[in-house]
């Protein structure tokens, strides 16, 4: 097929690679414009742009798709289908209507649960046992279109958003190739009205750990925000991100370090911290972290 690919972050890269490997003619790649990054604030292309250019594909990164000129340029590609995954721009109706077979979105949840921007984070933070990937026919609403193909997967008890992100990205790449192969035979299934939830963007205020909460909630917050933006605490004025944890036994004042294994008491129960990161430093496993910053037994973490 003649495919327009629309995606921006690392999550989208395996999908682009899978489409090329399957022999589809990727006639253009749309992604977000390069953004200033690093200490020098030099413009850095997105992961999709970098990979697309390495594959010799045409890259476009308009700031908006709402102008008539952009709609005409998109329609002129004469695409059979557009594949959209974590692109970052709303597609106006003229864009949705341009490809002969419409626009297909790869969404990392079991729709209609967790429509919206942060479905992987929200699934872990909510304690969901399962998540998955849906291939959806796009329409004007936010992730409201009928589902063509769906696959579920269990969420591991110690799984972080980073690890689940990688698994779902690979699953989405495999499913979209299957969907395009079977497109004529797939029956679009409208999403049920029951069970709709929305995965709002992560607010920075959510990331600060409240040790008075139950251990299960603290653990889900840590794993759900790892590696980005990272749940955090302050220790003697230094911000520390908590990037890995597991439920543990023990009791004490909320935030109290209970043993040398970094078991920390919560409102009920306790969590054991597995991976941490001091401000300005790289992420470290617990043992390495403790060699550089002491968190003695009995200390109450902020």
C-alpha atoms as a PDB file:
ATOM      1  CA  UNK A   1       0.000   0.000   0.000  1.00  0.00           C
ATOM      2  CA  UNK A   2       0.891   3.656  -0.349  1.00  0.00           C
ATOM      3  CA  UNK A   3       1.202   4.666   3.297  1.00  0.00           C
ATOM      4  CA  UNK A   4       1.577   8.034   5.004  1.00  0.00           C
ATOM      5  CA  UNK A   5       3.147   7.510   8.430  1.00  0.00           C
ATOM      6  CA  UNK A   6       2.438   9.991  11.227  1.00  0.00           C
ATOM      7  CA  UNK A   7       4.313   9.668  14.523  1.00  0.00           C
ATOM      8  CA  UNK A   8       6.932  11.419  16.626  1.00  0.00           C
ATOM      9  CA  UNK A   9       8.438   9.721  19.731  1.00  0.00           C
ATOM     10  CA  UNK A  10      10.446   6.554  20.268  1.00  0.00           C
ATOM     11  CA  UNK A  11       7.222   4.556  20.691  1.00  0.00           C
ATOM     12  CA  UNK A  12       6.450   5.145  16.998  1.00  0.00           C
ATOM     13  CA  UNK A  13       9.811   4.081  15.557  1.00  0.00           C
ATOM     14  CA  UNK A  14       9.277   0.266  15.567  1.00  0.00           C
ATOM     15  CA  UNK A  15       5.976   0.801  13.757  1.00  0.00           C
ATOM     16  CA  UNK A  16       7.662   2.763  10.961  1.00  0.00           C
ATOM     17  CA  UNK A  17      10.366   0.110  10.685  1.00  0.00           C
ATOM     18  CA  UNK A  18       7.749  -2.665  10.502  1.00  0.00           C
ATOM     19  CA  UNK A  19       5.840  -0.938   7.697  1.00  0.00           C
ATOM     20  CA  UNK A  20       9.016  -0.556   5.653  1.00  0.00           C
ATOM     21  CA  UNK A  21      10.071  -4.168   6.362  1.00  0.00           C
ATOM     22  CA  UNK A  22       6.645  -5.414   5.250  1.00  0.00           C
ATOM     23  CA  UNK A  23       7.166  -3.832   1.843  1.00  0.00           C
ATOM     24  CA  UNK A  24       4.710  -0.947   2.059  1.00  0.00           C
ATOM     25  CA  UNK A  25       5.512   2.221   0.112  1.00  0.00           C
ATOM     26  CA  UNK A  26       5.883   4.883   2.815  1.00  0.00           C
ATOM     27  CA  UNK A  27       5.370   7.956   0.645  1.00  0.00           C
ATOM     28  CA  UNK A  28       5.878  10.511   3.438  1.00  0.00           C
ATOM     29  CA  UNK A  29       6.540  10.671   7.168  1.00  0.00           C
ATOM     30  CA  UNK A  30       4.867  13.356   9.272  1.00  0.00           C
ATOM     31  CA  UNK A  31       6.265  14.185  12.710  1.00  0.00           C
ATOM     32  CA  UNK A  32       6.599  17.063  15.144  1.00  0.00           C
ATOM     33  CA  UNK A  33       9.200  19.739  14.274  1.00  0.00           C
ATOM     34  CA  UNK A  34      12.662  19.536  15.861  1.00  0.00           C
ATOM     35  CA  UNK A  35      12.740  20.918  19.412  1.00  0.00           C
ATOM     36  CA  UNK A  36      15.507  22.676  21.366  1.00  0.00           C
ATOM     37  CA  UNK A  37      17.214  20.126  23.625  1.00  0.00           C
ATOM     38  CA  UNK A  38      20.295  19.753  25.798  1.00  0.00           C
ATOM     39  CA  UNK A  39      22.353  22.448  27.470  1.00  0.00           C
ATOM     40  CA  UNK A  40      23.011  24.244  24.221  1.00  0.00           C
ATOM     41  CA  UNK A  41      19.312  24.202  23.293  1.00  0.00           C
ATOM     42  CA  UNK A  42      20.198  23.106  19.779  1.00  0.00           C
ATOM     43  CA  UNK A  43      17.273  21.852  17.738  1.00  0.00           C
ATOM     44  CA  UNK A  44      17.056  18.067  17.885  1.00  0.00           C
ATOM     45  CA  UNK A  45      14.966  16.006  15.464  1.00  0.00           C
ATOM     46  CA  UNK A  46      12.416  13.631  16.913  1.00  0.00           C
ATOM     47  CA  UNK A  47      13.202   9.889  17.024  1.00  0.00           C
ATOM     48  CA  UNK A  48      10.843   9.318  14.087  1.00  0.00           C
ATOM     49  CA  UNK A  49      12.452  12.036  11.975  1.00  0.00           C
ATOM     50  CA  UNK A  50      15.923  10.664  12.645  1.00  0.00           C
ATOM     51  CA  UNK A  51      14.899   7.108  11.721  1.00  0.00           C
ATOM     52  CA  UNK A  52      12.915   8.173   8.667  1.00  0.00           C
ATOM     53  CA  UNK A  53      15.828  10.161   7.284  1.00  0.00           C
ATOM     54  CA  UNK A  54      18.128   7.190   7.887  1.00  0.00           C
ATOM     55  CA  UNK A  55      15.694   5.071   5.862  1.00  0.00           C
ATOM     56  CA  UNK A  56      15.711   7.630   3.040  1.00  0.00           C
ATOM     57  CA  UNK A  57      12.072   8.644   3.491  1.00  0.00           C
ATOM     58  CA  UNK A  58      10.577  12.084   2.898  1.00  0.00           C
ATOM     59  CA  UNK A  59       9.937  13.874   6.209  1.00  0.00           C
ATOM     60  CA  UNK A  60       7.427  16.646   6.797  1.00  0.00           C
ATOM     61  CA  UNK A  61       6.898  18.443  10.098  1.00  0.00           C
ATOM     62  CA  UNK A  62       4.232  21.138   9.784  1.00  0.00           C
ATOM     63  CA  UNK A  63       3.304  23.099  12.899  1.00  0.00           C
ATOM     64  CA  UNK A  64      -0.373  22.620  12.033  1.00  0.00           C
ATOM     65  CA  UNK A  65      -2.452  20.646   9.545  1.00  0.00           C
ATOM     66  CA  UNK A  66      -5.421  23.009   9.523  1.00  0.00           C
ATOM     67  CA  UNK A  67      -4.502  25.157   6.513  1.00  0.00           C
ATOM     68  CA  UNK A  68      -5.831  24.485   3.058  1.00  0.00           C
ATOM     69  CA  UNK A  69      -2.275  24.276   1.733  1.00  0.00           C
ATOM     70  CA  UNK A  70      -1.365  21.485   4.148  1.00  0.00           C
ATOM     71  CA  UNK A  71      -4.549  19.593   3.316  1.00  0.00           C
ATOM     72  CA  UNK A  72      -3.805  19.839  -0.406  1.00  0.00           C
ATOM     73  CA  UNK A  73      -0.210  18.694   0.072  1.00  0.00           C
ATOM     74  CA  UNK A  74      -1.410  15.733   2.121  1.00  0.00           C
ATOM     75  CA  UNK A  75      -4.094  14.768  -0.399  1.00  0.00           C
ATOM     76  CA  UNK A  76      -1.576  15.017  -3.251  1.00  0.00           C
ATOM     77  CA  UNK A  77       0.281  12.016  -1.783  1.00  0.00           C
ATOM     78  CA  UNK A  78      -2.589   9.809  -3.035  1.00  0.00           C
ATOM     79  CA  UNK A  79      -2.172   7.497  -0.066  1.00  0.00           C
ATOM     80  CA  UNK A  80      -4.137   4.304   0.387  1.00  0.00           C
ATOM     81  CA  UNK A  81      -3.970   4.703   4.155  1.00  0.00           C
ATOM     82  CA  UNK A  82      -2.386   6.827   6.879  1.00  0.00           C
ATOM     83  CA  UNK A  83      -0.934   5.064   9.927  1.00  0.00           C
ATOM     84  CA  UNK A  84      -0.928   7.297  13.009  1.00  0.00           C
ATOM     85  CA  UNK A  85       0.803   6.529  16.305  1.00  0.00           C
ATOM     86  CA  UNK A  86       1.628   9.141  18.968  1.00  0.00           C
ATOM     87  CA  UNK A  87       1.856  11.906  16.370  1.00  0.00           C
ATOM     88  CA  UNK A  88       0.972  14.847  18.605  1.00  0.00           C
ATOM     89  CA  UNK A  89      -1.322  16.908  16.363  1.00  0.00           C
ATOM     90  CA  UNK A  90      -5.094  16.783  15.948  1.00  0.00           C
ATOM     91  CA  UNK A  91      -6.037  15.638  12.434  1.00  0.00           C
ATOM     92  CA  UNK A  92      -8.743  17.846  10.880  1.00  0.00           C
ATOM     93  CA  UNK A  93     -11.499  16.200   8.843  1.00  0.00           C
ATOM     94  CA  UNK A  94      -9.834  17.044   5.519  1.00  0.00           C
ATOM     95  CA  UNK A  95      -6.786  15.000   6.553  1.00  0.00           C
ATOM     96  CA  UNK A  96      -8.891  12.125   7.933  1.00  0.00           C
ATOM     97  CA  UNK A  97     -10.797  11.930   4.640  1.00  0.00           C
ATOM     98  CA  UNK A  98      -7.821  12.143   2.263  1.00  0.00           C
ATOM     99  CA  UNK A  99      -6.439   8.556   2.199  1.00  0.00           C
ATOM    100  CA  UNK A 100      -8.570   6.104   0.216  1.00  0.00           C
ATOM    101  CA  UNK A 101      -8.835   3.724   3.199  1.00  0.00           C
ATOM    102  CA  UNK A 102      -8.812   6.393   5.893  1.00  0.00           C
ATOM    103  CA  UNK A 103      -6.478   6.874   8.846  1.00  0.00           C
ATOM    104  CA  UNK A 104      -5.627   4.041  11.247  1.00  0.00           C
ATOM    105  CA  UNK A 105      -4.453   4.827  14.757  1.00  0.00           C
ATOM    106  CA  UNK A 106      -2.374   2.545  16.997  1.00  0.00           C
ATOM    107  CA  UNK A 107      -3.505   3.173  20.571  1.00  0.00           C
ATOM    108  CA  UNK A 108      -1.780   1.650  23.599  1.00  0.00           C
ATOM    109  CA  UNK A 109      -4.811   0.631  25.654  1.00  0.00           C
ATOM    110  CA  UNK A 110      -7.867  -1.602  25.572  1.00  0.00           C
ATOM    111  CA  UNK A 111     -10.358   0.939  24.262  1.00  0.00           C
ATOM    112  CA  UNK A 112     -12.612   2.505  25.413  1.00  0.00           C
ATOM    113  CA  UNK A 113     -10.494   2.433  28.596  1.00  0.00           C
ATOM    114  CA  UNK A 114      -7.777   5.070  28.676  1.00  0.00           C
ATOM    115  CA  UNK A 115      -8.516   7.167  25.658  1.00  0.00           C
ATOM    116  CA  UNK A 116      -6.143  10.111  25.441  1.00  0.00           C
ATOM    117  CA  UNK A 117      -2.547  11.122  25.972  1.00  0.00           C
ATOM    118  CA  UNK A 118      -1.031   8.892  28.681  1.00  0.00           C
ATOM    119  CA  UNK A 119      -2.650   5.439  28.536  1.00  0.00           C
ATOM    120  CA  UNK A 120       0.437   3.447  29.597  1.00  0.00           C
ATOM    121  CA  UNK A 121       1.142   5.606  32.660  1.00  0.00           C
ATOM    122  CA  UNK A 122      -2.503   5.595  33.700  1.00  0.00           C
ATOM    123  CA  UNK A 123      -2.979   1.839  33.360  1.00  0.00           C
ATOM    124  CA  UNK A 124      -0.104   1.138  35.763  1.00  0.00           C
ATOM    125  CA  UNK A 125      -1.018   3.951  38.163  1.00  0.00           C
ATOM    126  CA  UNK A 126      -4.600   2.658  38.350  1.00  0.00           C
ATOM    127  CA  UNK A 127      -3.485  -0.895  39.093  1.00  0.00           C
ATOM    128  CA  UNK A 128      -4.935  -2.414  35.912  1.00  0.00           C
ATOM    129  CA  UNK A 129      -4.152  -6.115  35.524  1.00  0.00           C
ATOM    130  CA  UNK A 130      -4.262  -5.894  31.723  1.00  0.00           C
ATOM    131  CA  UNK A 131      -3.684  -3.449  28.933  1.00  0.00           C
ATOM    132  CA  UNK A 132      -3.035  -3.872  25.231  1.00  0.00           C
ATOM    133  CA  UNK A 133      -3.051  -2.309  21.783  1.00  0.00           C
ATOM    134  CA  UNK A 134      -5.987  -1.391  19.567  1.00  0.00           C
ATOM    135  CA  UNK A 135      -5.911  -0.601  15.850  1.00  0.00           C
ATOM    136  CA  UNK A 136      -8.650   1.982  15.407  1.00  0.00           C
ATOM    137  CA  UNK A 137     -10.269   3.677  12.420  1.00  0.00           C
ATOM    138  CA  UNK A 138      -9.833   7.357  13.197  1.00  0.00           C
ATOM    139  CA  UNK A 139     -12.680   9.853  13.346  1.00  0.00           C
ATOM    140  CA  UNK A 140     -13.018  13.396  14.672  1.00  0.00           C
ATOM    141  CA  UNK A 141     -13.474  12.435  18.366  1.00  0.00           C
ATOM    142  CA  UNK A 142     -10.606  11.699  20.757  1.00  0.00           C
ATOM    143  CA  UNK A 143      -9.863   7.977  20.295  1.00  0.00           C
ATOM    144  CA  UNK A 144     -13.553   7.273  19.692  1.00  0.00           C
ATOM    145  CA  UNK A 145     -13.364   5.421  16.362  1.00  0.00           C
ATOM    146  CA  UNK A 146     -14.319   1.800  15.705  1.00  0.00           C
ATOM    147  CA  UNK A 147     -11.712  -0.849  16.505  1.00  0.00           C
ATOM    148  CA  UNK A 148     -10.403  -3.131  13.754  1.00  0.00           C
ATOM    149  CA  UNK A 149      -7.972  -5.259  15.739  1.00  0.00           C
ATOM    150  CA  UNK A 150      -7.094  -5.571  19.420  1.00  0.00           C
ATOM    151  CA  UNK A 151      -4.690  -7.618  21.545  1.00  0.00           C
ATOM    152  CA  UNK A 152      -4.392  -7.731  25.348  1.00  0.00           C
ATOM    153  CA  UNK A 153      -1.389  -8.356  27.571  1.00  0.00           C
ATOM    154  CA  UNK A 154      -0.879  -8.748  31.307  1.00  0.00           C
ATOM    155  CA  UNK A 155       0.864  -5.970  33.249  1.00  0.00           C
ATOM    156  CA  UNK A 156       3.690  -7.375  35.390  1.00  0.00           C
ATOM    157  CA  UNK A 157       3.623  -6.727  39.119  1.00  0.00           C
ATOM    158  CA  UNK A 158       7.011  -4.968  38.932  1.00  0.00           C
ATOM    159  CA  UNK A 159       6.636  -3.558  35.413  1.00  0.00           C
ATOM    160  CA  UNK A 160       7.392   0.120  34.830  1.00  0.00           C
ATOM    161  CA  UNK A 161       5.910   2.381  32.202  1.00  0.00           C
ATOM    162  CA  UNK A 162       9.255   2.224  30.375  1.00  0.00           C
ATOM    163  CA  UNK A 163       9.216  -1.565  30.102  1.00  0.00           C
ATOM    164  CA  UNK A 164       5.518  -1.736  29.194  1.00  0.00           C
ATOM    165  CA  UNK A 165       6.035   1.044  26.624  1.00  0.00           C
ATOM    166  CA  UNK A 166       8.589  -1.072  24.786  1.00  0.00           C
ATOM    167  CA  UNK A 167       6.385  -4.178  24.808  1.00  0.00           C
ATOM    168  CA  UNK A 168       3.337  -2.312  23.535  1.00  0.00           C
ATOM    169  CA  UNK A 169       5.363  -0.557  20.839  1.00  0.00           C
ATOM    170  CA  UNK A 170       6.509  -3.917  19.453  1.00  0.00           C
ATOM    171  CA  UNK A 171       2.958  -5.267  19.717  1.00  0.00           C
ATOM    172  CA  UNK A 172       1.585  -2.271  17.829  1.00  0.00           C
ATOM    173  CA  UNK A 173       4.155  -2.709  15.056  1.00  0.00           C
ATOM    174  CA  UNK A 174       3.132  -6.340  14.610  1.00  0.00           C
ATOM    175  CA  UNK A 175      -0.603  -5.620  14.760  1.00  0.00           C
ATOM    176  CA  UNK A 176      -0.602  -2.801  12.198  1.00  0.00           C
ATOM    177  CA  UNK A 177       1.167  -4.994   9.667  1.00  0.00           C
ATOM    178  CA  UNK A 178      -1.447  -7.689  10.295  1.00  0.00           C
ATOM    179  CA  UNK A 179      -4.267  -5.147  10.031  1.00  0.00           C
ATOM    180  CA  UNK A 180      -3.065  -3.867   6.665  1.00  0.00           C
ATOM    181  CA  UNK A 181      -2.753  -7.423   5.350  1.00  0.00           C
ATOM    182  CA  UNK A 182      -6.321  -8.238   6.443  1.00  0.00           C
ATOM    183  CA  UNK A 183      -7.895  -4.813   5.924  1.00  0.00           C
ATOM    184  CA  UNK A 184     -10.596  -5.992   3.507  1.00  0.00           C
ATOM    185  CA  UNK A 185     -11.696  -8.742   5.914  1.00  0.00           C
ATOM    186  CA  UNK A 186     -11.663  -6.771   9.166  1.00  0.00           C
ATOM    187  CA  UNK A 187     -15.010  -5.586  10.498  1.00  0.00           C
ATOM    188  CA  UNK A 188     -14.870  -2.236  12.346  1.00  0.00           C
ATOM    189  CA  UNK A 189     -16.390  -2.706  15.798  1.00  0.00           C
ATOM    190  CA  UNK A 190     -17.863   0.398  17.457  1.00  0.00           C
ATOM    191  CA  UNK A 191     -16.518   1.070  20.936  1.00  0.00           C
ATOM    192  CA  UNK A 192     -19.007   0.432  23.746  1.00  0.00           C
ATOM    193  CA  UNK A 193     -20.263   3.465  25.639  1.00  0.00           C
ATOM    194  CA  UNK A 194     -19.739   1.703  28.959  1.00  0.00           C
ATOM    195  CA  UNK A 195     -16.249   1.716  30.455  1.00  0.00           C
ATOM    196  CA  UNK A 196     -14.938   4.932  28.888  1.00  0.00           C
ATOM    197  CA  UNK A 197     -12.033   6.495  30.799  1.00  0.00           C
ATOM    198  CA  UNK A 198      -9.581   9.227  29.824  1.00  0.00           C
ATOM    199  CA  UNK A 199      -5.815   9.145  30.273  1.00  0.00           C
ATOM    200  CA  UNK A 200      -5.003  12.779  30.977  1.00  0.00           C
ATOM    201  CA  UNK A 201      -1.451  14.044  30.555  1.00  0.00           C
ATOM    202  CA  UNK A 202       0.682  13.581  33.641  1.00  0.00           C
ATOM    203  CA  UNK A 203       0.689  16.721  35.769  1.00  0.00           C
ATOM    204  CA  UNK A 204       3.949  17.521  37.554  1.00  0.00           C
ATOM    205  CA  UNK A 205       2.045  17.902  40.818  1.00  0.00           C
ATOM    206  CA  UNK A 206       1.121  14.205  40.650  1.00  0.00           C
ATOM    207  CA  UNK A 207       4.734  13.080  40.725  1.00  0.00           C
ATOM    208  CA  UNK A 208       5.621  13.967  44.325  1.00  0.00           C
ATOM    209  CA  UNK A 209       5.406  10.890  46.563  1.00  0.00           C
ATOM    210  CA  UNK A 210       2.980  11.065  49.469  1.00  0.00           C
ATOM    211  CA  UNK A 211       4.166   8.408  51.934  1.00  0.00           C
ATOM    212  CA  UNK A 212       0.875   8.611  53.839  1.00  0.00           C
ATOM    213  CA  UNK A 213      -0.846   6.818  50.959  1.00  0.00           C
ATOM    214  CA  UNK A 214      -1.172   3.004  50.972  1.00  0.00           C
ATOM    215  CA  UNK A 215       1.903   1.123  49.792  1.00  0.00           C
ATOM    216  CA  UNK A 216       0.043  -0.238  46.747  1.00  0.00           C
ATOM    217  CA  UNK A 217      -0.659   3.313  45.533  1.00  0.00           C
ATOM    218  CA  UNK A 218       2.915   4.490  46.171  1.00  0.00           C
ATOM    219  CA  UNK A 219       4.314   1.482  44.308  1.00  0.00           C
ATOM    220  CA  UNK A 220       2.014   2.074  41.331  1.00  0.00           C
ATOM    221  CA  UNK A 221       2.944   5.766  41.259  1.00  0.00           C
ATOM    222  CA  UNK A 222       6.666   4.970  41.224  1.00  0.00           C
ATOM    223  CA  UNK A 223       6.366   2.337  38.506  1.00  0.00           C
ATOM    224  CA  UNK A 224       3.791   4.301  36.506  1.00  0.00           C
ATOM    225  CA  UNK A 225       5.974   7.422  36.295  1.00  0.00           C
ATOM    226  CA  UNK A 226       9.219   5.562  35.534  1.00  0.00           C
ATOM    227  CA  UNK A 227      11.330   6.617  33.711  1.00  0.00           C
ATOM    228  CA  UNK A 228       9.474   9.850  32.882  1.00  0.00           C
ATOM    229  CA  UNK A 229       8.644  12.176  34.512  1.00  0.00           C
ATOM    230  CA  UNK A 230       9.706  10.169  37.583  1.00  0.00           C
ATOM    231  CA  UNK A 231       8.052  10.089  41.011  1.00  0.00           C
ATOM    232  CA  UNK A 232      10.187  12.147  43.394  1.00  0.00           C
ATOM    233  CA  UNK A 233      11.024  13.043  46.969  1.00  0.00           C
ATOM    234  CA  UNK A 234      13.429  15.529  48.571  1.00  0.00           C
ATOM    235  CA  UNK A 235      16.274  14.352  50.796  1.00  0.00           C
ATOM    236  CA  UNK A 236      18.116  17.147  52.621  1.00  0.00           C
ATOM    237  CA  UNK A 237      17.112  19.587  49.900  1.00  0.00           C
ATOM    238  CA  UNK A 238      18.164  17.274  47.036  1.00  0.00           C
ATOM    239  CA  UNK A 239      15.491  16.001  44.670  1.00  0.00           C
ATOM    240  CA  UNK A 240      15.607  12.231  44.194  1.00  0.00           C
ATOM    241  CA  UNK A 241      13.581  10.373  41.591  1.00  0.00           C
ATOM    242  CA  UNK A 242      12.274   6.930  42.497  1.00  0.00           C
ATOM    243  CA  UNK A 243      12.315   4.745  39.381  1.00  0.00           C
ATOM    244  CA  UNK A 244      11.699   1.201  40.614  1.00  0.00           C
ATOM    245  CA  UNK A 245       9.958  -0.403  43.567  1.00  0.00           C
ATOM    246  CA  UNK A 246       8.244  -3.513  44.870  1.00  0.00           C
ATOM    247  CA  UNK A 247       5.718  -4.070  47.648  1.00  0.00           C
ATOM    248  CA  UNK A 248       7.330  -5.154  50.942  1.00  0.00           C
ATOM    249  CA  UNK A 249       6.405  -5.927  54.536  1.00  0.00           C
ATOM    250  CA  UNK A 250       7.045  -3.601  57.451  1.00  0.00           C
ATOM    251  CA  UNK A 251       5.481  -0.777  59.383  1.00  0.00           C
ATOM    252  CA  UNK A 252       6.532   2.566  60.759  1.00  0.00           C
ATOM    253  CA  UNK A 253       5.901   6.275  60.361  1.00  0.00           C
ATOM    254  CA  UNK A 254       5.069   7.224  56.754  1.00  0.00           C
ATOM    255  CA  UNK A 255       8.360   7.746  54.905  1.00  0.00           C
ATOM    256  CA  UNK A 256      10.492   6.010  57.545  1.00  0.00           C
ATOM    257  CA  UNK A 257      13.414   3.932  56.254  1.00  0.00           C
ATOM    258  CA  UNK A 258      12.906   0.546  57.907  1.00  0.00           C
ATOM    259  CA  UNK A 259      16.039  -1.388  56.917  1.00  0.00           C
ATOM    260  CA  UNK A 260      19.265  -1.348  54.922  1.00  0.00           C
ATOM    261  CA  UNK A 261      17.387  -2.676  51.862  1.00  0.00           C
ATOM    262  CA  UNK A 262      15.570   0.675  51.535  1.00  0.00           C
ATOM    263  CA  UNK A 263      12.205  -0.582  52.688  1.00  0.00           C
ATOM    264  CA  UNK A 264      10.112   2.530  53.352  1.00  0.00           C
ATOM    265  CA  UNK A 265       6.926   2.640  55.426  1.00  0.00           C
ATOM    266  CA  UNK A 266       3.744   4.019  53.872  1.00  0.00           C
ATOM    267  CA  UNK A 267       0.351   4.896  55.314  1.00  0.00           C
ATOM    268  CA  UNK A 268      -0.370   1.181  55.251  1.00  0.00           C
ATOM    269  CA  UNK A 269       2.297  -1.359  54.297  1.00  0.00           C
ATOM    270  CA  UNK A 270       5.693  -0.582  52.811  1.00  0.00           C
ATOM    271  CA  UNK A 271       7.607  -0.459  49.544  1.00  0.00           C
ATOM    272  CA  UNK A 272      11.202  -1.415  48.811  1.00  0.00           C
ATOM    273  CA  UNK A 273      13.013   1.019  46.525  1.00  0.00           C
ATOM    274  CA  UNK A 274      14.991  -0.656  43.743  1.00  0.00           C
ATOM    275  CA  UNK A 275      16.225   2.165  41.503  1.00  0.00           C
ATOM    276  CA  UNK A 276      16.819   5.860  42.238  1.00  0.00           C
ATOM    277  CA  UNK A 277      18.272   8.975  40.628  1.00  0.00           C
ATOM    278  CA  UNK A 278      19.734  12.069  42.266  1.00  0.00           C
ATOM    279  CA  UNK A 279      19.232  15.404  40.526  1.00  0.00           C
ATOM    280  CA  UNK A 280      21.964  15.858  37.919  1.00  0.00           C
ATOM    281  CA  UNK A 281      23.074  12.218  38.108  1.00  0.00           C
ATOM    282  CA  UNK A 282      22.257   9.054  36.191  1.00  0.00           C
ATOM    283  CA  UNK A 283      19.790   6.437  37.402  1.00  0.00           C
ATOM    284  CA  UNK A 284      21.316   3.868  39.784  1.00  0.00           C
ATOM    285  CA  UNK A 285      20.328   0.574  41.333  1.00  0.00           C
ATOM    286  CA  UNK A 286      19.753   0.717  45.097  1.00  0.00           C
ATOM    287  CA  UNK A 287      23.192  -0.511  46.197  1.00  0.00           C
ATOM    288  CA  UNK A 288      25.099   1.885  43.963  1.00  0.00           C
ATOM    289  CA  UNK A 289      22.849   4.780  44.979  1.00  0.00           C
ATOM    290  CA  UNK A 290      23.395   4.145  48.700  1.00  0.00           C
ATOM    291  CA  UNK A 291      27.175   4.251  48.264  1.00  0.00           C
ATOM    292  CA  UNK A 292      26.796   7.865  47.144  1.00  0.00           C
ATOM    293  CA  UNK A 293      23.946   9.017  49.366  1.00  0.00           C
ATOM    294  CA  UNK A 294      23.250   7.524  52.790  1.00  0.00           C
ATOM    295  CA  UNK A 295      19.640   6.917  53.771  1.00  0.00           C
ATOM    296  CA  UNK A 296      20.077   5.418  57.232  1.00  0.00           C
ATOM    297  CA  UNK A 297      17.540   3.258  59.029  1.00  0.00           C
ATOM    298  CA  UNK A 298      15.134   5.452  60.957  1.00  0.00           C
ATOM    299  CA  UNK A 299      15.427   8.441  58.616  1.00  0.00           C
ATOM    300  CA  UNK A 300      12.065   9.842  57.510  1.00  0.00           C
ATOM    301  CA  UNK A 301      12.079  10.688  53.801  1.00  0.00           C
ATOM    302  CA  UNK A 302      10.406  13.900  52.655  1.00  0.00           C
END
